Protein backbone atom coordinates (compact mmCIF):
# COMPACT_ATOMS: atom_id res chain seq x y z
CA UNK A 1 0.00 0.00 0.00
CA UNK A 2 1.21 3.44 -0.88
CA UNK A 3 2.35 5.66 2.00
CA UNK A 4 -0.06 8.44 1.03
CA UNK A 5 -2.95 5.94 0.85
CA UNK A 6 -2.12 4.88 4.40
CA UNK A 7 -2.12 8.53 5.53
CA UNK A 8 -5.68 8.94 4.33
CA UNK A 9 -6.96 6.71 7.13
CA UNK A 10 -4.81 8.00 10.00
CA UNK A 11 -7.22 10.83 10.97
CA UNK A 12 -10.03 8.31 11.45
CA UNK A 13 -7.74 6.15 13.57
CA UNK A 14 -6.78 9.18 15.63
CA UNK A 15 -10.46 9.85 16.31
CA UNK A 16 -10.74 6.32 17.65
CA UNK A 17 -7.64 6.93 19.77
CA UNK A 18 -9.25 10.08 21.17
CA UNK A 19 -12.36 8.14 22.14
CA UNK A 20 -10.28 5.38 23.73
CA UNK A 21 -8.22 7.99 25.63
CA UNK A 22 -11.43 9.51 26.97
CA UNK A 23 -12.75 6.12 28.09
CA UNK A 24 -9.47 5.34 29.87
CA UNK A 25 -8.92 8.64 31.70
CA UNK A 26 -12.53 9.62 32.39
CA UNK A 27 -12.82 7.71 35.69
CA UNK A 28 -9.48 9.07 36.99
CA UNK A 29 -9.66 12.72 35.96
CA UNK A 30 -10.97 15.52 38.13
CA UNK A 31 -12.42 18.91 37.32
CA UNK A 32 -9.98 20.77 35.05
CA UNK A 33 -7.18 18.16 34.93
CA UNK A 34 -4.76 19.43 32.28
CA UNK A 35 -2.77 16.20 32.13
CA UNK A 36 -5.79 14.49 30.61
CA UNK A 37 -6.93 17.36 28.38
CA UNK A 38 -3.67 18.19 26.60
CA UNK A 39 -3.29 14.81 24.81
CA UNK A 40 -6.83 15.16 23.45
CA UNK A 41 -6.06 18.61 22.06
CA UNK A 42 -2.78 17.34 20.62
CA UNK A 43 -4.59 14.53 18.81
CA UNK A 44 -6.97 17.06 17.26
CA UNK A 45 -4.07 19.25 16.10
CA UNK A 46 -2.39 16.23 14.52
CA UNK A 47 -5.63 15.44 12.69
CA UNK A 48 -5.69 18.96 11.26
CA UNK A 49 -2.02 18.71 10.29
CA UNK A 50 -2.50 15.43 8.44
CA UNK A 51 -5.46 16.85 6.57
CA UNK A 52 -3.42 19.88 5.50
CA UNK A 53 -0.61 17.59 4.38
CA UNK A 54 -3.04 15.52 2.32
CA UNK A 55 -4.56 18.60 0.70
CA UNK A 56 -1.15 19.90 -0.38
CA UNK A 57 0.28 16.57 -1.56
CA UNK A 58 -2.61 14.95 -3.42
CA UNK A 59 -3.58 15.69 -6.99
CA UNK A 60 -7.34 15.69 -6.45
CA UNK A 61 -7.34 18.61 -4.04
CA UNK A 62 -11.08 19.24 -4.14
CA UNK A 63 -11.85 15.72 -2.93
CA UNK A 64 -9.47 16.08 -0.01
CA UNK A 65 -10.76 19.55 0.86
CA UNK A 66 -14.29 18.14 1.08
CA UNK A 67 -13.04 15.13 3.09
CA UNK A 68 -11.09 17.42 5.42
CA UNK A 69 -13.95 19.82 6.05
CA UNK A 70 -16.38 17.01 6.83
CA UNK A 71 -13.94 15.06 8.97
CA UNK A 72 -12.64 18.06 10.92
CA UNK A 73 -16.24 19.11 11.57
CA UNK A 74 -17.08 15.68 12.96
CA UNK A 75 -13.77 15.57 14.86
CA UNK A 76 -14.44 18.91 16.51
CA UNK A 77 -17.78 17.63 17.82
CA UNK A 78 -16.08 14.48 19.13
CA UNK A 79 -13.31 16.61 20.69
CA UNK A 80 -15.79 18.86 22.50
CA UNK A 81 -17.66 15.86 23.89
CA UNK A 82 -14.41 14.19 24.98
CA UNK A 83 -13.15 17.38 26.63
CA UNK A 84 -16.40 17.76 28.54
CA UNK A 85 -16.21 14.16 29.75
CA UNK A 86 -12.53 14.36 30.70
CA UNK A 87 -12.60 17.73 32.44
CA UNK A 88 -16.02 17.21 34.07
CA UNK A 89 -16.96 20.66 32.81
CA UNK A 90 -19.43 21.89 30.24
CA UNK A 91 -18.02 24.13 27.57
C-alpha cells in the first residue's frame, strides 16, 4: 500500500484513539485536569495537520478539501464531547 494511501486513514484512527483515551482517563480525571486534556487537544491538532498535508500533496485537491472539512467538523464535535467528559466541565 502506498504511504499516502495509508495517511488517508490516520485521521479516522486518531479519532478512535481520542475516544479510547477519553474512556481510559474519564474515571481518573478531576475537574480541570490538564494532564488528561492536553493529549486530546494534541490529537486534534495532529488530525488537522495530516489533513493539511493531504490537501497539499494529493492531486485531487477538491476531494481532499471536502473530506477534510467534513472530517474536521465531525472531529471537533467528538473533541468537544471528549473534553467535557474528561474535564467534568461543560463548555
